[in-house]
Amino acid sequence: MNKKLSEEGEKSKAICQSCKQIVSTTFARRDVPFSDGIGEVKDILVSVCDLCDRVVAIPAQSTPAIREARLKEVKSIEAQLPAAFPDMLDLAAHTIDSASSTVRRT
């Protein structure tokens, strides 16, 4: 499987949601906010609309940087709970996502 890595300054085409058409784009480095509005990923390669200068696409090669930035935005909390509560929290987290779990620190 050959995957091409995009480079800054390279040209492409994409559909721009703002311009509502297929547009010419240029790959550039930008800070991109997360869609939930909490935090952002800094200096990643994105495809930018040549007409309106908005980010229209993010190449797969930027995914690891996005993942790292998202993990940094997760804030830990500390609390003292009755002994049964962490078990209930673990069960709830596991029910939502079997890969999830609470982290207990003593």
C-alpha atoms as a PDB file:
ATOM      1  CA  MET A   1       0.000   0.000   0.000  1.00  0.00           C
ATOM      2  CA  ASN A   2       1.559   3.280  -1.140  1.00  0.00           C
ATOM      3  CA  LYS A   3       0.500   6.319   0.834  1.00  0.00           C
ATOM      4  CA  LYS A   4       1.684   9.675  -0.387  1.00  0.00           C
ATOM      5  CA  LEU A   5       2.732  12.192   2.222  1.00  0.00           C
ATOM      6  CA  SER A   6       1.595  15.720   1.504  1.00  0.00           C
ATOM      7  CA  GLU A   7       4.012  18.619   1.849  1.00  0.00           C
ATOM      8  CA  GLU A   8       3.581  22.262   2.770  1.00  0.00           C
ATOM      9  CA  GLY A   9       2.898  24.368  -0.341  1.00  0.00           C
ATOM     10  CA  GLU A  10       1.572  21.422  -2.364  1.00  0.00           C
ATOM     11  CA  LYS A  11      -1.646  22.006  -4.312  1.00  0.00           C
ATOM     12  CA  SER A  12      -4.799  19.865  -4.273  1.00  0.00           C
ATOM     13  CA  LYS A  13      -8.564  20.110  -4.727  1.00  0.00           C
ATOM     14  CA  ALA A  14     -11.327  19.703  -2.142  1.00  0.00           C
ATOM     15  CA  ILE A  15     -14.913  20.656  -1.429  1.00  0.00           C
ATOM     16  CA  CYS A  16     -15.062  23.823   0.639  1.00  0.00           C
ATOM     17  CA  GLN A  17     -18.059  23.965   2.993  1.00  0.00           C
ATOM     18  CA  SER A  18     -17.835  27.758   3.105  1.00  0.00           C
ATOM     19  CA  CYS A  19     -17.550  28.355  -0.648  1.00  0.00           C
ATOM     20  CA  LYS A  20     -19.930  25.456  -1.406  1.00  0.00           C
ATOM     21  CA  GLN A  21     -17.887  24.269  -4.376  1.00  0.00           C
ATOM     22  CA  ILE A  22     -14.833  22.285  -5.397  1.00  0.00           C
ATOM     23  CA  VAL A  23     -11.861  24.576  -4.867  1.00  0.00           C
ATOM     24  CA  SER A  24      -8.133  24.620  -5.345  1.00  0.00           C
ATOM     25  CA  THR A  25      -6.301  24.168  -2.047  1.00  0.00           C
ATOM     26  CA  THR A  26      -2.808  24.591  -0.680  1.00  0.00           C
ATOM     27  CA  PHE A  27      -1.286  22.537   2.131  1.00  0.00           C
ATOM     28  CA  ALA A  28      -0.150  24.735   5.006  1.00  0.00           C
ATOM     29  CA  ARG A  29       0.547  24.491   8.725  1.00  0.00           C
ATOM     30  CA  ARG A  30      -2.176  25.843  10.992  1.00  0.00           C
ATOM     31  CA  ASP A  31      -3.498  25.681  14.545  1.00  0.00           C
ATOM     32  CA  VAL A  32      -6.861  23.908  14.372  1.00  0.00           C
ATOM     33  CA  PRO A  33      -9.450  24.002  17.190  1.00  0.00           C
ATOM     34  CA  PHE A  34     -11.221  20.784  18.143  1.00  0.00           C
ATOM     35  CA  SER A  35     -14.807  20.557  16.938  1.00  0.00           C
ATOM     36  CA  ASP A  36     -16.094  20.518  20.536  1.00  0.00           C
ATOM     37  CA  GLY A  37     -14.429  23.894  21.149  1.00  0.00           C
ATOM     38  CA  ILE A  38     -12.211  22.560  23.933  1.00  0.00           C
ATOM     39  CA  GLY A  39      -8.564  22.988  23.010  1.00  0.00           C
ATOM     40  CA  GLU A  40      -6.736  22.908  19.720  1.00  0.00           C
ATOM     41  CA  VAL A  41      -3.965  21.119  17.912  1.00  0.00           C
ATOM     42  CA  LYS A  42      -1.043  23.344  17.010  1.00  0.00           C
ATOM     43  CA  ASP A  43       0.962  23.527  13.812  1.00  0.00           C
ATOM     44  CA  ILE A  44      -0.455  20.595  11.833  1.00  0.00           C
ATOM     45  CA  LEU A  45      -0.505  20.175   8.079  1.00  0.00           C
ATOM     46  CA  VAL A  46      -3.945  20.965   6.634  1.00  0.00           C
ATOM     47  CA  SER A  47      -5.478  21.692   3.258  1.00  0.00           C
ATOM     48  CA  VAL A  48      -6.567  25.351   3.012  1.00  0.00           C
ATOM     49  CA  CYS A  49      -9.095  26.779   0.527  1.00  0.00           C
ATOM     50  CA  ASP A  50      -7.362  29.166  -1.875  1.00  0.00           C
ATOM     51  CA  LEU A  51     -10.542  31.307  -2.087  1.00  0.00           C
ATOM     52  CA  CYS A  52     -11.577  31.805   1.551  1.00  0.00           C
ATOM     53  CA  ASP A  53      -8.437  30.674   3.433  1.00  0.00           C
ATOM     54  CA  ARG A  54     -10.359  28.181   5.630  1.00  0.00           C
ATOM     55  CA  VAL A  55      -9.226  24.672   6.534  1.00  0.00           C
ATOM     56  CA  VAL A  56     -11.074  22.257   4.238  1.00  0.00           C
ATOM     57  CA  ALA A  57      -9.284  18.970   4.897  1.00  0.00           C
ATOM     58  CA  ILE A  58      -6.763  17.339   7.188  1.00  0.00           C
ATOM     59  CA  PRO A  59      -4.459  14.687   5.703  1.00  0.00           C
ATOM     60  CA  ALA A  60      -4.123  11.351   7.493  1.00  0.00           C
ATOM     61  CA  GLN A  61      -0.488  12.116   8.300  1.00  0.00           C
ATOM     62  CA  SER A  62      -1.689  14.781  10.780  1.00  0.00           C
ATOM     63  CA  THR A  63      -3.758  12.254  12.760  1.00  0.00           C
ATOM     64  CA  PRO A  64      -1.011  11.329  15.280  1.00  0.00           C
ATOM     65  CA  ALA A  65      -0.513  15.010  16.185  1.00  0.00           C
ATOM     66  CA  ILE A  66      -4.271  15.439  16.645  1.00  0.00           C
ATOM     67  CA  ARG A  67      -4.429  12.374  18.891  1.00  0.00           C
ATOM     68  CA  GLU A  68      -1.538  13.644  21.035  1.00  0.00           C
ATOM     69  CA  ALA A  69      -3.113  17.088  21.410  1.00  0.00           C
ATOM     70  CA  ARG A  70      -6.478  15.545  22.339  1.00  0.00           C
ATOM     71  CA  LEU A  71      -4.848  13.370  25.012  1.00  0.00           C
ATOM     72  CA  LYS A  72      -3.181  16.450  26.512  1.00  0.00           C
ATOM     73  CA  GLU A  73      -6.587  18.158  26.798  1.00  0.00           C
ATOM     74  CA  VAL A  74      -7.920  15.375  29.031  1.00  0.00           C
ATOM     75  CA  LYS A  75      -7.665  16.644  32.585  1.00  0.00           C
ATOM     76  CA  SER A  76      -7.450  14.291  35.527  1.00  0.00           C
ATOM     77  CA  ILE A  77      -9.500  14.835  38.664  1.00  0.00           C
ATOM     78  CA  GLU A  78      -8.986  13.653  42.205  1.00  0.00           C
ATOM     79  CA  ALA A  79     -11.725  12.761  44.634  1.00  0.00           C
ATOM     80  CA  GLN A  80     -12.303  10.670  47.732  1.00  0.00           C
ATOM     81  CA  LEU A  81     -15.220   8.337  47.166  1.00  0.00           C
ATOM     82  CA  PRO A  82     -16.839   5.528  49.110  1.00  0.00           C
ATOM     83  CA  ALA A  83     -15.213   2.181  48.197  1.00  0.00           C
ATOM     84  CA  ALA A  84     -18.084   0.988  45.957  1.00  0.00           C
ATOM     85  CA  PHE A  85     -18.152   4.142  43.799  1.00  0.00           C
ATOM     86  CA  PRO A  86     -14.937   3.458  41.812  1.00  0.00           C
ATOM     87  CA  ASP A  87     -16.251  -0.031  40.985  1.00  0.00           C
ATOM     88  CA  MET A  88     -19.508   1.482  39.722  1.00  0.00           C
ATOM     89  CA  LEU A  89     -17.560   4.057  37.720  1.00  0.00           C
ATOM     90  CA  ASP A  90     -15.398   1.302  36.196  1.00  0.00           C
ATOM     91  CA  LEU A  91     -18.519  -0.642  35.220  1.00  0.00           C
ATOM     92  CA  ALA A  92     -20.128   2.449  33.675  1.00  0.00           C
ATOM     93  CA  ALA A  93     -16.950   3.308  31.720  1.00  0.00           C
ATOM     94  CA  HIS A  94     -16.628  -0.295  30.527  1.00  0.00           C
ATOM     95  CA  THR A  95     -20.293  -0.340  29.460  1.00  0.00           C
ATOM     96  CA  ILE A  96     -19.786   2.770  27.312  1.00  0.00           C
ATOM     97  CA  ASP A  97     -16.430   1.696  25.868  1.00  0.00           C
ATOM     98  CA  SER A  98     -14.911  -1.683  26.692  1.00  0.00           C
ATOM     99  CA  ALA A  99     -11.422  -0.192  26.297  1.00  0.00           C
ATOM    100  CA  SER A 100     -12.115   2.466  28.963  1.00  0.00           C
ATOM    101  CA  SER A 101     -11.373   2.283  32.630  1.00  0.00           C
ATOM    102  CA  THR A 102     -10.858   4.645  35.497  1.00  0.00           C
ATOM    103  CA  VAL A 103      -7.367   5.115  36.804  1.00  0.00           C
ATOM    104  CA  ARG A 104      -7.004   4.690  40.531  1.00  0.00           C
ATOM    105  CA  ARG A 105      -4.187   6.453  42.298  1.00  0.00           C
ATOM    106  CA  THR A 106      -3.373   5.899  45.901  1.00  0.00           C
END
